[in-house]
Amino acid sequence: MSEIPKILDGRVAVVTGASRGIGKGIALELGAAGATVYVTGRSTTTGHLPGTVHATAAEITDLGGTGVAVVCDHHDDAAVQALFARVREEHGRLDVLVNNVYNSPSAARWLGRKFWEVPPKAWDETFDIGVRSHYVASVFAAPLLIEAGGLIVNVSSPGAVRYMHNAVYGVGKTALDRLTADLAHDLAETEVTAVSIWPGIVDTELLQLVPADDQGRRLVTLPGEGTFDLAAAETPRFPGRAVVALAADAKRRARTGKAWRVADLAEEYGFTDLDGRIPRAD
């Protein structure tokens, strides 16, 4: 395999919730492109799901970037503020912020449930880590990003515009895309770009627990949405390649304030998933 061009050499990024899943995939791609990547998360030991912030940071370094593990609970505003103070102290710049942290195992409990079957605490869990944490990180990152003319990427979903999973999920993703639009509005007189990205179905560590059937297929059924063959899913590295493409695009400000499907960005920028496909399962 040929060496990946270090098109982000010298850039500094923060990816929240990068112990595993989409966040890890994004962090690895930023590292492979040469960036220094601060990865946050609460996981310091493996449990039901594999992955820790330290393991992700080590893989980033192995790929040619510089991985920095930061154990951080995104419920703790002071810890988030300290993260960006550390970035300023150690590098004096921030080029990319990826707001990805999300409690997927918790949200999975309520898939396919009618709203009256989803307890109010699910709303709080979704909005606290799925929306508020993205706002908090953006607040503390903004001065650094403005200085660098950087990029904010909020990891969202097509659930912002159509029914997916349950009412709480959809409202949360709609709120996140509205946050993207309003961040872009407030940043209009700067060089900072703020976008949402919409991955499709991503074969994360959580979905990798789905067993194969007697025909060797790994099928996942989402109540009310259908059954999906995970062979058609994208890897977590695919949205990572979208973030790298955006970070390297000198004309990215034309995209600010909007949500972009990862598959559409792949076609426009000319990247593929690890197997050479452009997956469109969502």
Protein backbone atom coordinates (compact mmCIF):
# COMPACT_ATOMS: atom_id res chain seq x y z
CA MET A 1 0.00 0.00 0.00
CA SER A 2 1.40 3.40 -0.98
CA GLU A 3 1.97 6.00 1.69
CA ILE A 4 -0.95 8.34 2.31
CA PRO A 5 -0.03 11.93 1.36
CA LYS A 6 0.51 14.08 4.46
CA ILE A 7 -1.78 16.84 3.21
CA LEU A 8 -2.57 17.97 6.77
CA ASP A 9 1.01 18.02 8.02
CA GLY A 10 1.34 20.72 10.68
CA ARG A 11 -2.40 20.94 11.32
CA VAL A 12 -3.91 20.36 14.75
CA ALA A 13 -7.28 18.69 15.30
CA VAL A 14 -9.56 17.72 18.18
CA VAL A 15 -11.98 14.81 17.73
CA THR A 16 -14.44 14.24 20.55
CA GLY A 17 -15.66 10.76 21.37
CA ALA A 18 -12.85 9.01 19.52
CA SER A 19 -12.31 5.85 21.56
CA ARG A 20 -14.20 3.89 18.91
CA GLY A 21 -16.74 4.17 16.11
CA ILE A 22 -17.04 7.11 13.76
CA GLY A 23 -14.92 9.34 15.98
CA LYS A 24 -12.06 6.88 15.90
CA GLY A 25 -12.33 6.51 12.13
CA ILE A 26 -12.19 10.28 11.67
CA ALA A 27 -9.24 10.62 14.05
CA LEU A 28 -7.30 7.90 12.24
CA GLU A 29 -7.81 9.53 8.84
CA LEU A 30 -6.71 12.93 10.16
CA GLY A 31 -3.62 11.27 11.59
CA ALA A 32 -2.90 9.40 8.37
CA ALA A 33 -2.98 12.77 6.61
CA GLY A 34 -0.26 14.01 8.98
CA ALA A 35 -2.21 15.97 11.59
CA THR A 36 -1.67 16.12 15.32
CA VAL A 37 -4.95 14.79 16.70
CA TYR A 38 -6.22 15.18 20.24
CA VAL A 39 -8.74 12.40 20.87
CA THR A 40 -11.19 12.60 23.75
CA GLY A 41 -13.30 10.00 25.49
CA ARG A 42 -13.96 8.34 28.82
CA SER A 43 -12.74 4.87 27.89
CA THR A 44 -9.39 3.98 29.41
CA THR A 45 -9.94 0.22 29.52
CA THR A 46 -11.81 -2.06 27.16
CA GLY A 47 -15.19 -3.36 28.27
CA HIS A 48 -18.21 -4.72 26.41
CA LEU A 49 -16.93 -2.79 23.39
CA PRO A 50 -13.27 -2.50 22.41
CA GLY A 51 -11.44 0.79 22.18
CA THR A 52 -9.80 3.41 24.39
CA VAL A 53 -8.54 6.93 23.82
CA HIS A 54 -5.00 5.69 24.36
CA ALA A 55 -5.34 2.94 21.75
CA THR A 56 -6.74 5.41 19.21
CA ALA A 57 -3.92 7.86 19.86
CA ALA A 58 -1.35 5.10 19.39
CA GLU A 59 -2.91 4.07 16.06
CA ILE A 60 -2.84 7.69 14.87
CA THR A 61 0.88 7.83 15.57
CA ASP A 62 1.43 4.50 13.81
CA LEU A 63 -0.29 5.95 10.73
CA GLY A 64 2.14 8.86 10.58
CA GLY A 65 0.34 11.53 12.56
CA THR A 66 0.67 12.44 16.22
CA GLY A 67 -1.99 11.08 18.53
CA VAL A 68 -2.71 12.71 21.87
CA ALA A 69 -5.09 10.91 24.23
CA VAL A 70 -7.21 13.09 26.52
CA VAL A 71 -9.48 11.40 29.04
CA CYS A 72 -12.47 13.73 29.12
CA ASP A 73 -16.07 13.48 30.27
CA HIS A 74 -18.03 15.85 28.05
CA HIS A 75 -20.56 16.38 30.82
CA ASP A 76 -17.80 18.39 32.55
CA ASP A 77 -17.53 21.87 31.03
CA ALA A 78 -14.38 22.68 33.00
CA ALA A 79 -12.65 19.60 31.60
CA VAL A 80 -13.59 20.63 28.06
CA GLN A 81 -12.32 24.16 28.66
CA ALA A 82 -9.06 22.72 29.99
CA LEU A 83 -8.69 20.61 26.85
CA PHE A 84 -8.63 23.65 24.59
CA ALA A 85 -6.39 25.55 26.99
CA ARG A 86 -3.96 22.64 26.67
CA VAL A 87 -4.14 22.75 22.87
CA ARG A 88 -3.30 26.46 22.95
CA GLU A 89 -0.43 25.93 25.36
CA GLU A 90 1.06 23.01 23.44
CA HIS A 91 0.47 24.15 19.85
CA GLY A 92 -0.93 27.68 19.81
CA ARG A 93 -3.41 26.74 17.09
CA LEU A 94 -6.41 24.59 16.24
CA ASP A 95 -7.35 23.83 12.66
CA VAL A 96 -10.12 21.24 12.96
CA LEU A 97 -12.75 20.49 15.60
CA VAL A 98 -14.86 17.38 15.06
CA ASN A 99 -17.86 17.22 17.39
CA ASN A 100 -18.70 13.54 17.40
CA VAL A 101 -19.17 12.41 21.01
CA TYR A 102 -22.44 10.50 21.40
CA ASN A 103 -23.72 7.78 23.71
CA SER A 104 -24.60 5.18 21.08
CA PRO A 105 -25.02 2.21 23.44
CA SER A 106 -27.51 4.21 25.51
CA ALA A 107 -29.41 5.43 22.44
CA ALA A 108 -29.58 1.88 21.05
CA ARG A 109 -31.95 0.89 23.87
CA TRP A 110 -34.72 3.01 22.37
CA LEU A 111 -34.42 2.16 18.67
CA GLY A 112 -37.78 1.76 16.98
CA ARG A 113 -39.80 2.82 20.01
CA LYS A 114 -42.85 5.06 19.81
CA PHE A 115 -42.37 8.33 21.64
CA TRP A 116 -44.56 7.26 24.55
CA GLU A 117 -42.29 4.26 25.02
CA VAL A 118 -39.15 6.40 25.28
CA PRO A 119 -38.62 7.84 28.78
CA PRO A 120 -37.83 11.52 29.33
CA LYS A 121 -34.33 10.58 30.49
CA ALA A 122 -33.58 9.48 26.91
CA TRP A 123 -34.24 13.07 25.80
CA ASP A 124 -31.78 14.37 28.38
CA GLU A 125 -29.14 11.80 27.44
CA THR A 126 -29.47 12.63 23.74
CA PHE A 127 -29.38 16.38 24.08
CA ASP A 128 -26.75 16.56 26.82
CA ILE A 129 -24.08 14.60 24.95
CA GLY A 130 -25.53 14.73 21.44
CA VAL A 131 -26.12 18.49 21.19
CA ARG A 132 -25.02 20.43 24.26
CA SER A 133 -21.54 18.89 24.31
CA HIS A 134 -21.01 20.00 20.70
CA TYR A 135 -22.01 23.54 21.61
CA VAL A 136 -19.69 23.60 24.63
CA ALA A 137 -16.70 22.34 22.67
CA SER A 138 -17.38 24.88 19.91
CA VAL A 139 -17.57 27.71 22.45
CA PHE A 140 -14.17 26.91 23.95
CA ALA A 141 -12.55 26.10 20.60
CA ALA A 142 -13.83 29.18 18.78
CA PRO A 143 -10.98 31.63 19.61
CA LEU A 144 -8.37 29.16 18.37
CA LEU A 145 -10.36 28.28 15.27
CA ILE A 146 -10.94 31.92 14.40
CA GLU A 147 -7.21 32.61 14.63
CA ALA A 148 -6.47 29.68 12.30
CA GLY A 149 -9.42 30.05 9.92
CA GLY A 150 -10.34 26.51 10.89
CA LEU A 151 -13.08 23.97 10.42
CA ILE A 152 -15.90 22.72 12.67
CA VAL A 153 -17.50 19.41 11.70
CA ASN A 154 -20.61 18.22 13.54
CA VAL A 155 -21.33 14.52 12.99
CA SER A 156 -25.06 14.43 12.31
CA SER A 157 -27.46 12.19 10.38
CA PRO A 158 -30.21 12.09 7.73
CA GLY A 159 -32.46 11.73 10.78
CA ALA A 160 -32.43 15.53 10.77
CA VAL A 161 -34.79 15.52 7.78
CA ARG A 162 -36.64 12.19 7.93
CA TYR A 163 -37.83 9.73 10.54
CA MET A 164 -35.05 7.56 11.93
CA HIS A 165 -34.94 5.42 15.07
CA ASN A 166 -37.32 7.46 17.26
CA ALA A 167 -38.63 10.97 17.85
CA VAL A 168 -35.87 11.94 20.27
CA TYR A 169 -33.13 10.91 17.84
CA GLY A 170 -34.62 12.94 14.99
CA VAL A 171 -35.19 16.06 17.06
CA GLY A 172 -31.64 15.83 18.38
CA LYS A 173 -30.11 15.63 14.90
CA THR A 174 -32.35 18.44 13.67
CA ALA A 175 -31.13 20.56 16.58
CA LEU A 176 -27.52 19.72 15.73
CA ASP A 177 -27.91 20.81 12.11
CA ARG A 178 -29.58 24.02 13.30
CA LEU A 179 -26.59 24.55 15.58
CA THR A 180 -24.31 24.14 12.56
CA ALA A 181 -26.25 26.76 10.63
CA ASP A 182 -26.21 29.23 13.51
CA LEU A 183 -22.52 28.72 14.26
CA ALA A 184 -21.85 29.49 10.61
CA HIS A 185 -24.00 32.61 10.83
CA ASP A 186 -22.04 33.92 13.81
CA LEU A 187 -18.74 33.02 12.12
CA ALA A 188 -19.67 34.63 8.81
CA GLU A 189 -17.13 37.44 9.15
CA THR A 190 -14.32 35.02 9.98
CA GLU A 191 -12.60 32.37 7.88
CA VAL A 192 -14.04 29.49 9.91
CA THR A 193 -16.20 26.89 8.16
CA ALA A 194 -18.90 25.04 10.11
CA VAL A 195 -20.61 22.03 8.53
CA SER A 196 -22.54 18.91 9.47
CA ILE A 197 -21.77 15.59 7.85
CA TRP A 198 -24.21 12.70 7.42
CA PRO A 199 -22.60 9.27 7.37
CA GLY A 200 -24.75 6.36 6.25
CA ILE A 201 -24.93 3.06 8.12
CA VAL A 202 -21.49 2.66 9.65
CA ASP A 203 -20.11 -0.73 10.65
CA THR A 204 -18.93 0.35 14.10
CA GLU A 205 -17.79 -1.90 16.91
CA LEU A 206 -21.38 -1.90 18.17
CA LEU A 207 -22.75 -3.22 14.87
CA GLN A 208 -19.89 -5.68 14.58
CA LEU A 209 -21.55 -7.54 17.46
CA VAL A 210 -24.34 -8.50 15.04
CA PRO A 211 -23.78 -12.22 14.26
CA ALA A 212 -23.81 -13.71 10.79
CA ASP A 213 -26.82 -15.78 9.75
CA ASP A 214 -26.64 -19.26 8.21
CA GLN A 215 -25.85 -17.67 4.84
CA GLY A 216 -22.99 -15.63 6.25
CA ARG A 217 -24.89 -12.36 6.10
CA ARG A 218 -24.82 -9.87 8.93
CA LEU A 219 -28.29 -8.35 8.86
CA VAL A 220 -29.50 -5.63 11.18
CA THR A 221 -33.18 -4.80 11.51
CA LEU A 222 -34.18 -1.31 12.53
CA PRO A 223 -37.82 -1.42 13.62
CA GLY A 224 -40.01 0.59 11.28
CA GLU A 225 -37.12 1.24 8.88
CA GLY A 226 -36.21 -2.13 7.39
CA THR A 227 -33.46 -4.72 7.38
CA PHE A 228 -29.98 -3.82 6.19
CA ASP A 229 -27.10 -6.01 5.09
CA LEU A 230 -23.99 -4.73 6.83
CA ALA A 231 -21.91 -5.81 3.84
CA ALA A 232 -23.17 -2.60 2.27
CA ALA A 233 -22.29 -0.44 5.27
CA GLU A 234 -19.40 2.00 5.33
CA THR A 235 -16.37 1.74 7.59
CA PRO A 236 -15.70 4.43 10.22
CA ARG A 237 -12.77 5.58 8.06
CA PHE A 238 -15.11 6.71 5.25
CA PRO A 239 -16.50 9.77 7.13
CA GLY A 240 -12.92 10.38 8.23
CA ARG A 241 -11.90 10.80 4.62
CA ALA A 242 -14.69 13.33 4.20
CA VAL A 243 -13.29 15.38 7.09
CA VAL A 244 -9.78 15.25 5.62
CA ALA A 245 -11.09 16.38 2.24
CA LEU A 246 -12.93 19.30 3.83
CA ALA A 247 -9.91 20.28 5.94
CA ALA A 248 -7.68 20.31 2.85
CA ASP A 249 -10.15 22.23 0.66
CA ALA A 250 -9.15 25.87 0.28
CA LYS A 251 -12.66 26.64 -0.99
CA ARG A 252 -14.59 24.88 1.78
CA ARG A 253 -16.25 28.04 3.05
CA ALA A 254 -18.73 27.70 0.20
CA ARG A 255 -20.13 24.75 2.17
CA THR A 256 -20.49 26.50 5.53
CA GLY A 257 -23.71 26.28 7.48
CA LYS A 258 -25.02 23.21 5.66
CA ALA A 259 -25.22 19.45 6.09
CA TRP A 260 -23.46 17.17 3.60
CA ARG A 261 -23.88 13.46 2.97
CA VAL A 262 -20.54 11.68 3.21
CA ALA A 263 -21.29 9.73 0.01
CA ASP A 264 -21.94 12.98 -1.87
CA LEU A 265 -18.68 14.46 -0.60
CA ALA A 266 -16.90 11.30 -1.76
CA GLU A 267 -18.19 11.76 -5.28
CA GLU A 268 -17.28 15.46 -5.32
CA TYR A 269 -13.82 15.11 -3.78
CA GLY A 270 -12.95 11.75 -5.34
CA PHE A 271 -12.32 9.57 -2.31
CA THR A 272 -13.65 6.10 -1.51
CA ASP A 273 -13.99 3.80 1.46
CA LEU A 274 -11.18 1.38 2.30
CA ASP A 275 -12.48 -1.18 -0.22
CA GLY A 276 -12.77 1.31 -3.08
CA ARG A 277 -16.55 1.69 -2.86
CA ILE A 278 -18.70 4.74 -2.26
CA PRO A 279 -21.29 3.21 0.09
CA ARG A 280 -24.82 4.61 0.07
CA ALA A 281 -26.62 2.55 2.71
CA ASP A 282 -28.50 4.94 5.01
